[in-house]
Amino acid sequence: MKFLLNLGFLFNIFNKNFNIFNIWCSMEPITDKSLVMHVISPVMSQEMFSSFIGVTKDTVRGWVEQGTVATVKIGRQRYINVKRIVSDLEEGKTIFTRGDYED
């Protein structure tokens, strides 16, 4: 069983009350007795996040600058706070708009 992981899918998962484990991991059987897991980090670079959800790096950069997505600053870099986004989705958030995550 393999799960597609992107924000649109995350929205669908929460609308259908799937388990959070399905969001954080994708599982793909290799043989009858083995299983590969791909774990998603609680924070993600803007570049990795853009690839993950299928938008351009410029789009993600704009969301970060406008406070549309949750971020955390580590050193001089701003990373996407995937854990907070997932938590907000669990609580029923379905729309992300400018200013939702202003510092």
N, C-alpha and C. Protein backbone atom coordinates (compact mmCIF):
# COMPACT_ATOMS: atom_id res chain seq x y z
N MET A 1 0.86 -1.16 0.00
CA MET A 1 0.00 0.00 0.00
C MET A 1 0.91 1.23 0.00
N LYS A 2 0.70 2.15 -0.91
CA LYS A 2 1.52 3.35 -0.99
C LYS A 2 0.60 4.56 -0.91
N PHE A 3 0.99 5.54 -0.12
CA PHE A 3 0.19 6.74 0.04
C PHE A 3 0.88 7.90 -0.67
N LEU A 4 0.13 8.66 -1.45
CA LEU A 4 0.65 9.86 -2.08
C LEU A 4 0.64 10.97 -1.03
N LEU A 5 1.74 11.70 -0.94
CA LEU A 5 1.84 12.70 0.11
C LEU A 5 1.98 14.08 -0.49
N ASN A 6 0.94 14.86 -0.42
CA ASN A 6 0.99 16.27 -0.78
C ASN A 6 -0.13 16.97 -0.02
N LEU A 7 -0.15 18.29 -0.01
CA LEU A 7 -1.14 19.00 0.79
C LEU A 7 -2.56 18.68 0.38
N GLY A 8 -2.82 18.57 -0.92
CA GLY A 8 -4.16 18.21 -1.36
C GLY A 8 -4.58 16.87 -0.80
N PHE A 9 -3.67 15.92 -0.79
CA PHE A 9 -3.97 14.62 -0.23
C PHE A 9 -4.16 14.70 1.27
N LEU A 10 -3.35 15.55 1.94
CA LEU A 10 -3.52 15.72 3.39
C LEU A 10 -4.93 16.21 3.70
N PHE A 11 -5.43 17.17 2.90
CA PHE A 11 -6.79 17.65 3.11
C PHE A 11 -7.78 16.50 2.98
N ASN A 12 -7.61 15.69 1.94
CA ASN A 12 -8.52 14.57 1.71
C ASN A 12 -8.45 13.55 2.85
N ILE A 13 -7.26 13.31 3.36
CA ILE A 13 -7.11 12.36 4.46
C ILE A 13 -7.93 12.82 5.66
N PHE A 14 -7.80 14.08 6.02
CA PHE A 14 -8.49 14.54 7.21
C PHE A 14 -10.00 14.61 6.99
N ASN A 15 -10.43 14.88 5.78
CA ASN A 15 -11.86 14.88 5.50
C ASN A 15 -12.45 13.47 5.61
N LYS A 16 -11.61 12.46 5.43
CA LYS A 16 -12.09 11.08 5.49
C LYS A 16 -11.69 10.40 6.79
N ASN A 17 -11.12 11.15 7.73
CA ASN A 17 -10.75 10.65 9.06
C ASN A 17 -9.76 9.49 9.02
N PHE A 18 -8.74 9.59 8.19
CA PHE A 18 -7.69 8.59 8.17
C PHE A 18 -6.80 8.80 9.39
N ASN A 19 -6.03 7.83 9.72
CA ASN A 19 -5.10 7.90 10.84
C ASN A 19 -3.92 8.80 10.47
N ILE A 20 -3.39 9.56 11.44
CA ILE A 20 -2.25 10.46 11.21
C ILE A 20 -1.04 9.68 10.70
N PHE A 21 -0.89 8.41 11.08
CA PHE A 21 0.23 7.60 10.61
C PHE A 21 0.30 7.57 9.09
N ASN A 22 -0.85 7.57 8.44
CA ASN A 22 -0.89 7.55 6.98
C ASN A 22 -0.30 8.81 6.38
N ILE A 23 -0.35 9.91 7.12
CA ILE A 23 0.17 11.16 6.61
C ILE A 23 1.68 11.22 6.74
N TRP A 24 2.18 10.76 7.86
CA TRP A 24 3.61 10.88 8.12
C TRP A 24 4.44 9.83 7.40
N CYS A 25 3.86 8.75 6.98
CA CYS A 25 4.64 7.68 6.36
C CYS A 25 3.95 7.19 5.10
N SER A 26 4.76 6.80 4.14
CA SER A 26 4.21 6.06 3.02
C SER A 26 4.81 4.67 3.09
N MET A 27 4.03 3.68 2.83
CA MET A 27 4.52 2.31 2.95
C MET A 27 4.35 1.60 1.61
N GLU A 28 5.40 0.96 1.21
CA GLU A 28 5.37 0.26 -0.07
C GLU A 28 6.00 -1.12 0.10
N PRO A 29 5.24 -2.18 -0.08
CA PRO A 29 5.81 -3.52 0.06
C PRO A 29 6.87 -3.79 -1.01
N ILE A 30 7.99 -4.33 -0.61
CA ILE A 30 9.05 -4.71 -1.54
C ILE A 30 8.90 -6.20 -1.89
N THR A 31 8.75 -7.03 -0.88
CA THR A 31 8.49 -8.46 -1.06
C THR A 31 7.36 -8.83 -0.10
N ASP A 32 7.09 -10.09 -0.01
CA ASP A 32 6.03 -10.54 0.91
C ASP A 32 6.37 -10.22 2.36
N LYS A 33 7.66 -10.17 2.71
CA LYS A 33 8.04 -10.02 4.10
C LYS A 33 8.75 -8.69 4.42
N SER A 34 8.88 -7.80 3.46
CA SER A 34 9.58 -6.55 3.75
C SER A 34 8.71 -5.34 3.43
N LEU A 35 9.04 -4.23 4.04
CA LEU A 35 8.26 -3.01 3.89
C LEU A 35 9.21 -1.82 3.96
N VAL A 36 9.06 -0.86 3.07
CA VAL A 36 9.88 0.34 3.08
C VAL A 36 9.03 1.49 3.57
N MET A 37 9.57 2.27 4.49
CA MET A 37 8.83 3.44 5.00
C MET A 37 9.60 4.70 4.64
N HIS A 38 8.88 5.73 4.17
CA HIS A 38 9.45 7.03 3.88
C HIS A 38 8.84 8.00 4.88
N VAL A 39 9.65 8.48 5.81
CA VAL A 39 9.14 9.34 6.87
C VAL A 39 9.34 10.80 6.48
N ILE A 40 8.33 11.61 6.74
CA ILE A 40 8.40 13.03 6.45
C ILE A 40 8.87 13.77 7.69
N SER A 41 9.83 14.63 7.49
CA SER A 41 10.39 15.43 8.57
C SER A 41 9.37 16.43 9.11
N PRO A 42 9.44 16.78 10.41
CA PRO A 42 8.52 17.78 10.96
C PRO A 42 8.77 19.19 10.41
N VAL A 43 9.98 19.43 9.91
CA VAL A 43 10.26 20.68 9.20
C VAL A 43 10.88 20.34 7.86
N MET A 44 10.73 21.24 6.90
CA MET A 44 11.18 20.96 5.54
C MET A 44 11.69 22.26 4.92
N SER A 45 12.74 22.17 4.12
CA SER A 45 13.21 23.36 3.41
C SER A 45 12.13 23.82 2.44
N GLN A 46 12.19 25.08 2.09
CA GLN A 46 11.20 25.61 1.14
C GLN A 46 11.29 24.89 -0.19
N GLU A 47 12.50 24.59 -0.62
CA GLU A 47 12.69 23.88 -1.89
C GLU A 47 12.09 22.47 -1.83
N MET A 48 12.35 21.75 -0.74
CA MET A 48 11.82 20.40 -0.60
C MET A 48 10.29 20.43 -0.51
N PHE A 49 9.75 21.40 0.23
CA PHE A 49 8.30 21.53 0.37
C PHE A 49 7.65 21.80 -0.98
N SER A 50 8.29 22.65 -1.80
CA SER A 50 7.72 22.94 -3.12
C SER A 50 7.66 21.68 -3.98
N SER A 51 8.70 20.86 -3.92
CA SER A 51 8.70 19.59 -4.66
C SER A 51 7.66 18.64 -4.10
N PHE A 52 7.55 18.61 -2.80
CA PHE A 52 6.64 17.72 -2.10
C PHE A 52 5.18 17.95 -2.48
N ILE A 53 4.78 19.24 -2.58
CA ILE A 53 3.37 19.51 -2.90
C ILE A 53 3.15 19.88 -4.37
N GLY A 54 4.23 20.00 -5.14
CA GLY A 54 4.09 20.20 -6.58
C GLY A 54 3.84 21.62 -7.03
N VAL A 55 4.46 22.59 -6.34
CA VAL A 55 4.38 23.99 -6.76
C VAL A 55 5.80 24.52 -6.93
N THR A 56 5.94 25.71 -7.48
CA THR A 56 7.27 26.27 -7.69
C THR A 56 7.88 26.78 -6.38
N LYS A 57 9.21 26.88 -6.38
CA LYS A 57 9.90 27.44 -5.22
C LYS A 57 9.46 28.88 -4.97
N ASP A 58 9.20 29.62 -6.03
CA ASP A 58 8.75 31.01 -5.89
C ASP A 58 7.38 31.09 -5.21
N THR A 59 6.51 30.15 -5.50
CA THR A 59 5.20 30.12 -4.86
C THR A 59 5.35 29.92 -3.36
N VAL A 60 6.17 28.95 -2.97
CA VAL A 60 6.39 28.69 -1.55
C VAL A 60 7.05 29.89 -0.88
N ARG A 61 8.01 30.50 -1.54
CA ARG A 61 8.68 31.69 -0.99
C ARG A 61 7.65 32.79 -0.74
N GLY A 62 6.72 32.97 -1.67
CA GLY A 62 5.67 33.97 -1.49
C GLY A 62 4.78 33.64 -0.31
N TRP A 63 4.42 32.36 -0.15
CA TRP A 63 3.60 31.95 1.00
C TRP A 63 4.32 32.25 2.31
N VAL A 64 5.63 31.99 2.33
CA VAL A 64 6.42 32.24 3.54
C VAL A 64 6.44 33.73 3.85
N GLU A 65 6.71 34.55 2.85
CA GLU A 65 6.78 36.00 3.05
C GLU A 65 5.44 36.59 3.47
N GLN A 66 4.34 35.98 3.03
CA GLN A 66 3.01 36.49 3.36
C GLN A 66 2.42 35.84 4.61
N GLY A 67 3.12 34.87 5.20
CA GLY A 67 2.61 34.21 6.39
C GLY A 67 1.47 33.25 6.12
N THR A 68 1.44 32.69 4.92
CA THR A 68 0.37 31.76 4.53
C THR A 68 0.61 30.35 5.06
N VAL A 69 1.87 29.97 5.20
CA VAL A 69 2.21 28.66 5.75
C VAL A 69 3.04 28.84 7.02
N ALA A 70 2.97 27.86 7.91
CA ALA A 70 3.72 27.90 9.16
C ALA A 70 5.20 27.69 8.88
N THR A 71 6.03 28.49 9.52
CA THR A 71 7.48 28.36 9.35
C THR A 71 8.17 28.38 10.70
N VAL A 72 9.43 27.99 10.68
CA VAL A 72 10.30 28.08 11.84
C VAL A 72 11.65 28.56 11.32
N LYS A 73 12.28 29.47 12.06
CA LYS A 73 13.57 29.99 11.64
C LYS A 73 14.67 29.22 12.35
N ILE A 74 15.57 28.66 11.55
CA ILE A 74 16.73 27.95 12.07
C ILE A 74 17.96 28.63 11.48
N GLY A 75 18.72 29.30 12.33
CA GLY A 75 19.83 30.11 11.84
C GLY A 75 19.27 31.28 11.04
N ARG A 76 19.73 31.42 9.81
CA ARG A 76 19.22 32.49 8.95
C ARG A 76 18.13 32.02 7.99
N GLN A 77 17.86 30.73 7.99
CA GLN A 77 16.90 30.15 7.04
C GLN A 77 15.53 29.96 7.67
N ARG A 78 14.49 30.11 6.86
CA ARG A 78 13.11 29.81 7.27
C ARG A 78 12.72 28.47 6.65
N TYR A 79 12.27 27.56 7.50
CA TYR A 79 11.83 26.24 7.07
C TYR A 79 10.33 26.12 7.25
N ILE A 80 9.71 25.28 6.44
CA ILE A 80 8.27 25.04 6.55
C ILE A 80 8.03 24.12 7.75
N ASN A 81 7.11 24.51 8.63
CA ASN A 81 6.78 23.74 9.82
C ASN A 81 5.66 22.76 9.47
N VAL A 82 6.04 21.63 8.90
CA VAL A 82 5.08 20.63 8.42
C VAL A 82 4.26 20.08 9.59
N LYS A 83 4.89 19.89 10.73
CA LYS A 83 4.19 19.36 11.89
C LYS A 83 3.03 20.28 12.30
N ARG A 84 3.26 21.58 12.28
CA ARG A 84 2.19 22.52 12.65
C ARG A 84 1.08 22.53 11.61
N ILE A 85 1.45 22.45 10.35
CA ILE A 85 0.44 22.41 9.28
C ILE A 85 -0.44 21.17 9.45
N VAL A 86 0.19 20.02 9.70
CA VAL A 86 -0.56 18.78 9.90
C VAL A 86 -1.46 18.90 11.13
N SER A 87 -0.94 19.48 12.20
CA SER A 87 -1.73 19.68 13.41
C SER A 87 -2.95 20.56 13.13
N ASP A 88 -2.75 21.63 12.37
CA ASP A 88 -3.87 22.51 12.02
C ASP A 88 -4.90 21.78 11.16
N LEU A 89 -4.43 20.92 10.26
CA LEU A 89 -5.34 20.13 9.44
C LEU A 89 -6.15 19.17 10.31
N GLU A 90 -5.49 18.57 11.30
CA GLU A 90 -6.19 17.67 12.22
C GLU A 90 -7.30 18.40 12.97
N GLU A 91 -7.07 19.67 13.27
CA GLU A 91 -8.05 20.47 14.01
C GLU A 91 -9.15 21.02 13.11
N GLY A 92 -9.10 20.74 11.81
CA GLY A 92 -10.17 21.12 10.90
C GLY A 92 -9.86 22.26 9.95
N LYS A 93 -8.65 22.80 9.99
CA LYS A 93 -8.28 23.89 9.08
C LYS A 93 -8.25 23.36 7.65
N THR A 94 -8.92 24.06 6.74
CA THR A 94 -8.94 23.62 5.34
C THR A 94 -8.49 24.71 4.39
N ILE A 95 -8.40 25.95 4.87
CA ILE A 95 -8.00 27.07 4.02
C ILE A 95 -6.81 27.78 4.66
N PHE A 96 -5.78 28.00 3.87
CA PHE A 96 -4.60 28.71 4.32
C PHE A 96 -4.52 30.03 3.57
N THR A 97 -4.57 31.15 4.30
CA THR A 97 -4.57 32.46 3.66
C THR A 97 -3.47 33.35 4.22
N ARG A 98 -3.22 34.43 3.52
CA ARG A 98 -2.20 35.40 3.91
C ARG A 98 -2.43 35.84 5.36
N GLY A 99 -1.33 35.81 6.13
CA GLY A 99 -1.39 36.29 7.51
C GLY A 99 -1.77 35.25 8.54
N ASP A 100 -2.08 34.04 8.13
CA ASP A 100 -2.43 32.98 9.09
C ASP A 100 -1.30 32.68 10.06
N TYR A 101 -0.06 32.82 9.60
CA TYR A 101 1.10 32.44 10.42
C TYR A 101 2.10 33.58 10.53
N GLU A 102 1.64 34.75 10.76
CA GLU A 102 2.55 35.89 10.93
C GLU A 102 3.28 35.75 12.26
N ASP A 103 4.54 36.15 12.27
CA ASP A 103 5.34 36.08 13.52
C ASP A 103 4.85 37.06 14.54
